[in-house]
PDB file of N, CA and C in Angstrom:
ATOM      1  N   MET A   1    -121.196-111.214  74.902  1.00  0.00           N
ATOM      2  CA  MET A   1    -119.989-110.857  74.112  1.00  0.00           C
ATOM      3  C   MET A   1    -118.877-109.788  74.692  1.00  0.00           C
ATOM      4  N   GLU A   2    -117.711-110.206  74.834  1.00  0.00           N
ATOM      5  CA  GLU A   2    -117.114-108.955  75.425  1.00  0.00           C
ATOM      6  C   GLU A   2    -116.639-108.094  74.515  1.00  0.00           C
ATOM      7  N   SER A   3    -116.204-106.823  74.939  1.00  0.00           N
ATOM      8  CA  SER A   3    -116.257-105.581  74.092  1.00  0.00           C
ATOM      9  C   SER A   3    -114.943-104.742  74.531  1.00  0.00           C
ATOM     10  N   VAL A   4    -114.859-103.728  74.010  1.00  0.00           N
ATOM     11  CA  VAL A   4    -113.954-102.591  73.943  1.00  0.00           C
ATOM     12  C   VAL A   4    -114.215-101.281  73.806  1.00  0.00           C
ATOM     13  N   THR A   5    -114.127-100.421  74.539  1.00  0.00           N
ATOM     14  CA  THR A   5    -114.616 -98.957  74.343  1.00  0.00           C
ATOM     15  C   THR A   5    -113.901 -98.127  73.412  1.00  0.00           C
ATOM     16  N   VAL A   6    -114.271 -97.687  72.479  1.00  0.00           N
ATOM     17  CA  VAL A   6    -113.905 -96.729  71.607  1.00  0.00           C
ATOM     18  C   VAL A   6    -114.104 -95.091  71.580  1.00  0.00           C
ATOM     19  N   ARG A   7    -113.034 -94.325  71.746  1.00  0.00           N
ATOM     20  CA  ARG A   7    -113.070 -93.060  71.900  1.00  0.00           C
ATOM     21  C   ARG A   7    -112.675 -92.265  70.818  1.00  0.00           C
ATOM     22  N   TYR A   8    -113.492 -91.546  70.111  1.00  0.00           N
ATOM     23  CA  TYR A   8    -113.266 -90.575  69.067  1.00  0.00           C
ATOM     24  C   TYR A   8    -112.629 -89.224  69.515  1.00  0.00           C
ATOM     25  N   PHE A   9    -111.464 -88.812  68.941  1.00  0.00           N
ATOM     26  CA  PHE A   9    -111.172 -87.321  69.358  1.00  0.00           C
ATOM     27  C   PHE A   9    -111.332 -86.645  67.822  1.00  0.00           C
ATOM     28  N   ALA A  10    -111.390 -85.355  67.867  1.00  0.00           N
ATOM     29  CA  ALA A  10    -111.269 -84.224  66.819  1.00  0.00           C
ATOM     30  C   ALA A  10    -112.005 -84.747  65.374  1.00  0.00           C
ATOM     31  N   GLY A  11    -111.179 -84.738  64.287  1.00  0.00           N
ATOM     32  CA  GLY A  11    -111.837 -85.410  63.090  1.00  0.00           C
ATOM     33  C   GLY A  11    -112.331 -86.584  63.055  1.00  0.00           C
ATOM     34  N   ALA A  12    -112.026 -87.574  63.972  1.00  0.00           N
ATOM     35  CA  ALA A  12    -112.260 -88.908  64.000  1.00  0.00           C
ATOM     36  C   ALA A  12    -114.106 -88.845  64.524  1.00  0.00           C
ATOM     37  N   ARG A  13    -113.804 -88.328  65.796  1.00  0.00           N
ATOM     38  CA  ARG A  13    -115.414 -87.941  66.194  1.00  0.00           C
ATOM     39  C   ARG A  13    -116.198 -87.109  65.201  1.00  0.00           C
ATOM     40  N   ALA A  14    -116.015 -86.313  64.363  1.00  0.00           N
ATOM     41  CA  ALA A  14    -117.029 -85.657  63.325  1.00  0.00           C
ATOM     42  C   ALA A  14    -117.087 -87.109  62.190  1.00  0.00           C
ATOM     43  N   ALA A  15    -116.253 -87.533  61.777  1.00  0.00           N
ATOM     44  CA  ALA A  15    -116.494 -88.626  60.704  1.00  0.00           C
ATOM     45  C   ALA A  15    -117.163 -89.607  61.349  1.00  0.00           C
ATOM     46  N   ALA A  16    -117.132 -90.139  62.716  1.00  0.00           N
ATOM     47  CA  ALA A  16    -117.871 -91.097  63.018  1.00  0.00           C
ATOM     48  C   ALA A  16    -119.342 -90.660  63.610  1.00  0.00           C
ATOM     49  N   GLY A  17    -119.532 -89.558  63.630  1.00  0.00           N
ATOM     50  CA  GLY A  17    -120.947 -88.532  64.210  1.00  0.00           C
ATOM     51  C   GLY A  17    -121.145 -89.159  65.465  1.00  0.00           C
ATOM     52  N   ARG A  18    -120.306 -89.437  66.373  1.00  0.00           N
ATOM     53  CA  ARG A  18    -120.150 -90.065  67.764  1.00  0.00           C
ATOM     54  C   ARG A  18    -118.972 -89.571  68.611  1.00  0.00           C
ATOM     55  N   THR A  19    -118.971 -89.707  69.898  1.00  0.00           N
ATOM     56  CA  THR A  19    -118.196 -89.321  70.642  1.00  0.00           C
ATOM     57  C   THR A  19    -117.301 -90.870  70.884  1.00  0.00           C
ATOM     58  N   SER A  20    -118.170 -92.157  71.066  1.00  0.00           N
ATOM     59  CA  SER A  20    -117.642 -93.046  71.598  1.00  0.00           C
ATOM     60  C   SER A  20    -118.551 -94.222  70.715  1.00  0.00           C
ATOM     61  N   ASP A  21    -118.146 -95.491  70.993  1.00  0.00           N
ATOM     62  CA  ASP A  21    -118.530 -96.750  70.267  1.00  0.00           C
ATOM     63  C   ASP A  21    -118.167 -98.304  71.448  1.00  0.00           C
ATOM     64  N   ALA A  22    -118.673 -99.304  70.803  1.00  0.00           N
ATOM     65  CA  ALA A  22    -117.791-100.391  71.614  1.00  0.00           C
ATOM     66  C   ALA A  22    -117.775-101.653  70.213  1.00  0.00           C
ATOM     67  N   VAL A  23    -116.661-102.219  70.464  1.00  0.00           N
ATOM     68  CA  VAL A  23    -116.434-103.262  69.471  1.00  0.00           C
ATOM     69  C   VAL A  23    -116.229-104.325  70.259  1.00  0.00           C
ATOM     70  N   PRO A  24    -116.180-105.646  69.384  1.00  0.00           N
ATOM     71  CA  PRO A  24    -115.757-106.858  69.963  1.00  0.00           C
ATOM     72  C   PRO A  24    -114.552-106.839  70.676  1.00  0.00           C
ATOM     73  N   ALA A  25    -113.898-107.374  71.509  1.00  0.00           N
ATOM     74  CA  ALA A  25    -112.672-107.769  72.177  1.00  0.00           C
ATOM     75  C   ALA A  25    -111.997-108.635  70.881  1.00  0.00           C
ATOM     76  N   GLY A  26    -110.860-108.755  70.813  1.00  0.00           N
ATOM     77  CA  GLY A  26    -110.114-109.736  70.145  1.00  0.00           C
ATOM     78  C   GLY A  26    -109.790-109.104  68.977  1.00  0.00           C
ATOM     79  N   LEU A  27    -110.121-108.338  68.352  1.00  0.00           N
ATOM     80  CA  LEU A  27    -109.725-107.589  67.129  1.00  0.00           C
ATOM     81  C   LEU A  27    -108.458-107.209  67.135  1.00  0.00           C
ATOM     82  N   ASP A  28    -107.825-107.581  65.772  1.00  0.00           N
ATOM     83  CA  ASP A  28    -106.357-107.049  65.398  1.00  0.00           C
ATOM     84  C   ASP A  28    -106.867-105.493  64.831  1.00  0.00           C
ATOM     85  N   ARG A  29    -105.371-104.588  64.549  1.00  0.00           N
ATOM     86  CA  ARG A  29    -105.750-103.495  64.316  1.00  0.00           C
ATOM     87  C   ARG A  29    -106.487-103.400  62.718  1.00  0.00           C
ATOM     88  N   ASP A  30    -106.265-104.420  61.806  1.00  0.00           N
ATOM     89  CA  ASP A  30    -106.944-104.444  60.544  1.00  0.00           C
ATOM     90  C   ASP A  30    -108.551-104.754  60.640  1.00  0.00           C
ATOM     91  N   GLY A  31    -108.805-105.694  61.513  1.00  0.00           N
ATOM     92  CA  GLY A  31    -110.085-105.917  61.934  1.00  0.00           C
ATOM     93  C   GLY A  31    -111.040-104.886  62.691  1.00  0.00           C
ATOM     94  N   PHE A  32    -110.200-104.036  63.542  1.00  0.00           N
ATOM     95  CA  PHE A  32    -110.705-102.827  64.167  1.00  0.00           C
ATOM     96  C   PHE A  32    -111.119-101.743  63.165  1.00  0.00           C
ATOM     97  N   VAL A  33    -110.043-101.257  62.343  1.00  0.00           N
ATOM     98  CA  VAL A  33    -110.253-100.261  61.087  1.00  0.00           C
ATOM     99  C   VAL A  33    -111.478-100.799  60.313  1.00  0.00           C
ATOM    100  N   THR A  34    -111.430-102.128  59.862  1.00  0.00           N
ATOM    101  CA  THR A  34    -112.571-102.800  58.845  1.00  0.00           C
ATOM    102  C   THR A  34    -114.070-102.543  59.621  1.00  0.00           C
ATOM    103  N   GLU A  35    -114.067-102.888  60.887  1.00  0.00           N
ATOM    104  CA  GLU A  35    -115.484-102.970  61.707  1.00  0.00           C
ATOM    105  C   GLU A  35    -115.656-101.476  61.857  1.00  0.00           C
ATOM    106  N   LEU A  36    -114.814-100.470  62.124  1.00  0.00           N
ATOM    107  CA  LEU A  36    -115.552 -98.970  62.145  1.00  0.00           C
ATOM    108  C   LEU A  36    -115.904 -98.322  60.874  1.00  0.00           C
ATOM    109  N   THR A  37    -115.098 -98.953  59.835  1.00  0.00           N
ATOM    110  CA  THR A  37    -115.316 -98.249  58.610  1.00  0.00           C
ATOM    111  C   THR A  37    -116.625 -99.001  58.140  1.00  0.00           C
ATOM    112  N   ARG A  38    -117.134-100.472  58.318  1.00  0.00           N
ATOM    113  CA  ARG A  38    -117.996-100.917  57.855  1.00  0.00           C
ATOM    114  C   ARG A  38    -119.279 -99.848  58.570  1.00  0.00           C
ATOM    115  N   ARG A  39    -119.380 -99.482  59.955  1.00  0.00           N
ATOM    116  CA  ARG A  39    -120.151 -99.246  60.547  1.00  0.00           C
ATOM    117  C   ARG A  39    -120.503 -97.652  59.979  1.00  0.00           C
ATOM    118  N   HIS A  40    -119.573 -96.828  59.751  1.00  0.00           N
ATOM    119  CA  HIS A  40    -119.301 -95.576  59.692  1.00  0.00           C
ATOM    120  C   HIS A  40    -119.325 -95.134  58.300  1.00  0.00           C
ATOM    121  N   GLY A  41    -118.831 -95.807  57.692  1.00  0.00           N
ATOM    122  CA  GLY A  41    -118.658 -95.282  56.337  1.00  0.00           C
ATOM    123  C   GLY A  41    -117.035 -94.889  55.812  1.00  0.00           C
ATOM    124  N   ASP A  42    -116.864 -94.481  54.508  1.00  0.00           N
ATOM    125  CA  ASP A  42    -115.625 -94.109  54.147  1.00  0.00           C
ATOM    126  C   ASP A  42    -114.861 -92.834  54.549  1.00  0.00           C
ATOM    127  N   GLY A  43    -115.486 -92.168  54.985  1.00  0.00           N
ATOM    128  CA  GLY A  43    -115.125 -90.834  55.741  1.00  0.00           C
ATOM    129  C   GLY A  43    -114.027 -91.210  56.951  1.00  0.00           C
ATOM    130  N   LEU A  44    -114.936 -92.199  57.689  1.00  0.00           N
ATOM    131  CA  LEU A  44    -114.107 -92.637  59.265  1.00  0.00           C
ATOM    132  C   LEU A  44    -112.662 -93.115  58.531  1.00  0.00           C
ATOM    133  N   GLY A  45    -113.102 -94.295  57.601  1.00  0.00           N
ATOM    134  CA  GLY A  45    -112.109 -94.970  57.078  1.00  0.00           C
ATOM    135  C   GLY A  45    -110.694 -94.607  56.761  1.00  0.00           C
ATOM    136  N   ARG A  46    -110.869 -93.393  56.224  1.00  0.00           N
ATOM    137  CA  ARG A  46    -109.988 -92.437  55.885  1.00  0.00           C
ATOM    138  C   ARG A  46    -109.365 -91.429  57.135  1.00  0.00           C
ATOM    139  N   VAL A  47    -110.079 -91.588  57.899  1.00  0.00           N
ATOM    140  CA  VAL A  47    -109.277 -90.733  59.233  1.00  0.00           C
ATOM    141  C   VAL A  47    -108.768 -91.759  59.762  1.00  0.00           C
ATOM    142  N   LEU A  48    -109.131 -93.358  59.912  1.00  0.00           N
ATOM    143  CA  LEU A  48    -108.650 -94.094  60.506  1.00  0.00           C
ATOM    144  C   LEU A  48    -107.087 -94.829  59.888  1.00  0.00           C
ATOM    145  N   ALA A  49    -107.070 -94.507  58.479  1.00  0.00           N
ATOM    146  CA  ALA A  49    -105.738 -94.641  57.966  1.00  0.00           C
ATOM    147  C   ALA A  49    -104.507 -93.987  58.415  1.00  0.00           C
ATOM    148  N   VAL A  50    -104.964 -92.974  58.630  1.00  0.00           N
ATOM    149  CA  VAL A  50    -103.664 -91.916  59.274  1.00  0.00           C
ATOM    150  C   VAL A  50    -103.904 -91.662  60.557  1.00  0.00           C
ATOM    151  N   ALA A  51    -104.549 -91.905  61.486  1.00  0.00           N
ATOM    152  CA  ALA A  51    -104.961 -91.909  62.734  1.00  0.00           C
ATOM    153  C   ALA A  51    -103.845 -92.817  63.537  1.00  0.00           C
ATOM    154  N   SER A  52    -103.599 -92.273  65.157  1.00  0.00           N
ATOM    155  CA  SER A  52    -102.905 -93.093  66.116  1.00  0.00           C
ATOM    156  C   SER A  52    -103.979 -93.549  66.854  1.00  0.00           C
ATOM    157  N   PHE A  53    -103.530 -94.803  67.390  1.00  0.00           N
ATOM    158  CA  PHE A  53    -104.302 -95.706  68.572  1.00  0.00           C
ATOM    159  C   PHE A  53    -103.743 -96.043  69.579  1.00  0.00           C
ATOM    160  N   LEU A  54    -104.209 -95.275  70.737  1.00  0.00           N
ATOM    161  CA  LEU A  54    -103.935 -95.577  72.277  1.00  0.00           C
ATOM    162  C   LEU A  54    -104.781 -96.741  72.838  1.00  0.00           C
ATOM    163  N   VAL A  55    -104.334 -97.790  73.190  1.00  0.00           N
ATOM    164  CA  VAL A  55    -104.988 -98.964  73.672  1.00  0.00           C
ATOM    165  C   VAL A  55    -104.500 -98.596  75.191  1.00  0.00           C
ATOM    166  N   ASP A  56    -105.505 -98.242  76.258  1.00  0.00           N
ATOM    167  CA  ASP A  56    -105.503 -98.059  77.593  1.00  0.00           C
ATOM    168  C   ASP A  56    -104.101 -97.288  77.796  1.00  0.00           C
ATOM    169  N   GLY A  57    -104.222 -96.121  77.207  1.00  0.00           N
ATOM    170  CA  GLY A  57    -102.992 -95.085  77.116  1.00  0.00           C
ATOM    171  C   GLY A  57    -101.763 -95.504  76.813  1.00  0.00           C
ATOM    172  N   THR A  58    -101.456 -96.548  75.906  1.00  0.00           N
ATOM    173  CA  THR A  58    -100.186 -97.168  75.332  1.00  0.00           C
ATOM    174  C   THR A  58    -100.267 -97.110  73.632  1.00  0.00           C
ATOM    175  N   VAL A  59     -99.531 -96.594  72.994  1.00  0.00           N
ATOM    176  CA  VAL A  59     -99.490 -96.661  71.659  1.00  0.00           C
ATOM    177  C   VAL A  59     -99.701 -98.123  71.055  1.00  0.00           C
ATOM    178  N   TRP A  60    -100.719 -98.403  70.039  1.00  0.00           N
ATOM    179  CA  TRP A  60    -100.882 -99.442  69.508  1.00  0.00           C
ATOM    180  C   TRP A  60    -100.029 -99.710  68.518  1.00  0.00           C
ATOM    181  N   HIS A  61     -98.697-100.257  68.803  1.00  0.00           N
ATOM    182  CA  HIS A  61     -97.364-100.444  67.541  1.00  0.00           C
ATOM    183  C   HIS A  61     -97.741-102.007  66.838  1.00  0.00           C
ATOM    184  N   ASP A  62     -98.311-102.965  67.519  1.00  0.00           N
ATOM    185  CA  ASP A  62     -98.301-104.250  66.895  1.00  0.00           C
ATOM    186  C   ASP A  62     -99.464-104.632  66.548  1.00  0.00           C
ATOM    187  N   ARG A  63     -99.586-104.293  65.192  1.00  0.00           N
ATOM    188  CA  ARG A  63    -101.137-104.507  64.099  1.00  0.00           C
ATOM    189  C   ARG A  63    -101.971-105.743  64.566  1.00  0.00           C
ATOM    190  N   HIS A  64    -101.185-106.653  65.005  1.00  0.00           N
ATOM    191  CA  HIS A  64    -101.435-108.016  65.145  1.00  0.00           C
ATOM    192  C   HIS A  64    -102.023-108.499  66.280  1.00  0.00           C
ATOM    193  N   ALA A  65    -101.645-107.444  67.422  1.00  0.00           N
ATOM    194  CA  ALA A  65    -101.962-107.917  68.666  1.00  0.00           C
ATOM    195  C   ALA A  65    -103.518-107.624  68.797  1.00  0.00           C
ATOM    196  N   PRO A  66    -104.217-108.669  69.539  1.00  0.00           N
ATOM    197  CA  PRO A  66    -105.780-108.531  69.818  1.00  0.00           C
ATOM    198  C   PRO A  66    -106.034-107.754  70.779  1.00  0.00           C
ATOM    199  N   LEU A  67    -107.003-106.807  70.622  1.00  0.00           N
ATOM    200  CA  LEU A  67    -107.485-105.925  71.559  1.00  0.00           C
ATOM    201  C   LEU A  67    -108.264-106.825  72.799  1.00  0.00           C
ATOM    202  N   PRO A  68    -107.689-106.475  74.324  1.00  0.00           N
ATOM    203  CA  PRO A  68    -108.204-107.410  75.046  1.00  0.00           C
ATOM    204  C   PRO A  68    -109.674-106.917  75.632  1.00  0.00           C
ATOM    205  N   ALA A  69    -110.181-107.760  76.015  1.00  0.00           N
ATOM    206  CA  ALA A  69    -111.636-107.199  76.773  1.00  0.00           C
ATOM    207  C   ALA A  69    -111.448-106.065  77.713  1.00  0.00           C
ATOM    208  N   GLY A  70    -112.588-105.155  77.562  1.00  0.00           N
ATOM    209  CA  GLY A  70    -112.378-104.185  78.784  1.00  0.00           C
ATOM    210  C   GLY A  70    -111.507-103.106  78.607  1.00  0.00           C
ATOM    211  N   ALA A  71    -110.652-103.003  77.383  1.00  0.00           N
ATOM    212  CA  ALA A  71    -109.567-102.008  77.006  1.00  0.00           C
ATOM    213  C   ALA A  71    -110.667-101.054  76.410  1.00  0.00           C
ATOM    214  N   THR A  72    -109.739 -99.649  76.576  1.00  0.00           N
ATOM    215  CA  THR A  72    -110.219 -98.564  75.603  1.00  0.00           C
ATOM    216  C   THR A  72    -109.303 -98.026  74.824  1.00  0.00           C
ATOM    217  N   VAL A  73    -109.902 -97.810  73.451  1.00  0.00           N
ATOM    218  CA  VAL A  73    -108.941 -97.536  72.447  1.00  0.00           C
ATOM    219  C   VAL A  73    -109.343 -95.947  72.288  1.00  0.00           C
ATOM    220  N   ASP A  74    -108.205 -95.132  72.211  1.00  0.00           N
ATOM    221  CA  ASP A  74    -108.117 -93.763  71.726  1.00  0.00           C
ATOM    222  C   ASP A  74    -107.983 -93.703  70.288  1.00  0.00           C
ATOM    223  N   VAL A  75    -109.116 -92.958  69.681  1.00  0.00           N
ATOM    224  CA  VAL A  75    -108.490 -92.785  68.092  1.00  0.00           C
ATOM    225  C   VAL A  75    -108.340 -91.221  67.870  1.00  0.00           C
ATOM    226  N   LEU A  76    -107.036 -91.051  67.621  1.00  0.00           N
ATOM    227  CA  LEU A  76    -106.405 -89.698  67.556  1.00  0.00           C
ATOM    228  C   LEU A  76    -106.125 -89.569  66.012  1.00  0.00           C
ATOM    229  N   PRO A  77    -106.848 -88.664  65.353  1.00  0.00           N
ATOM    230  CA  PRO A  77    -106.451 -88.191  63.916  1.00  0.00           C
ATOM    231  C   PRO A  77    -105.383 -87.318  64.411  1.00  0.00           C
ATOM    232  N   PRO A  78    -104.508 -87.097  63.003  1.00  0.00           N
ATOM    233  CA  PRO A  78    -103.540 -85.936  63.316  1.00  0.00           C
ATOM    234  C   PRO A  78    -103.950 -84.722  63.174  1.00  0.00           C
ATOM    235  N   PHE A  79    -103.095 -83.954  64.295  1.00  0.00           N
ATOM    236  CA  PHE A  79    -103.814 -82.493  64.719  1.00  0.00           C
ATOM    237  C   PHE A  79    -102.988 -81.630  63.954  1.00  0.00           C
ATOM    238  N   ALA A  80    -103.756 -80.822  63.541  1.00  0.00           N
ATOM    239  CA  ALA A  80    -102.804 -79.232  63.383  1.00  0.00           C
ATOM    240  C   ALA A  80    -102.622 -78.341  64.156  1.00  0.00           C
ATOM    241  N   GLY A  81    -101.685 -77.607  63.966  1.00  0.00           N
ATOM    242  CA  GLY A  81    -101.200 -76.712  64.766  1.00  0.00           C
ATOM    243  C   GLY A  81    -100.954 -75.596  64.162  1.00  0.00           C
ATOM    244  N   GLY A  82    -101.023 -74.200  65.074  1.00  0.00           N
ATOM    245  CA  GLY A  82    -100.317 -73.020  64.418  1.00  0.00           C
ATOM    246  C   GLY A  82     -99.974 -71.908  65.326  1.00  0.00           C
TER     247      GLY A  82
END
């Protein structure tokens, strides 16, 4: 099975309980969120609902674009600043 690497940052890392994961290639954004929520629970699901996603360093704008094999997805929750 070809896969995609997922890297969690800040609140996403805390909610997932890990720094990284792997998911199957070919998922669209809804499938990606569903798979990670299934694995790690509703706490991560709430973070994913407001997070930004970078695929190989580029913002994942097209919700229907499938993840290519070997890609890296960075999960970036909103950051608080002060």
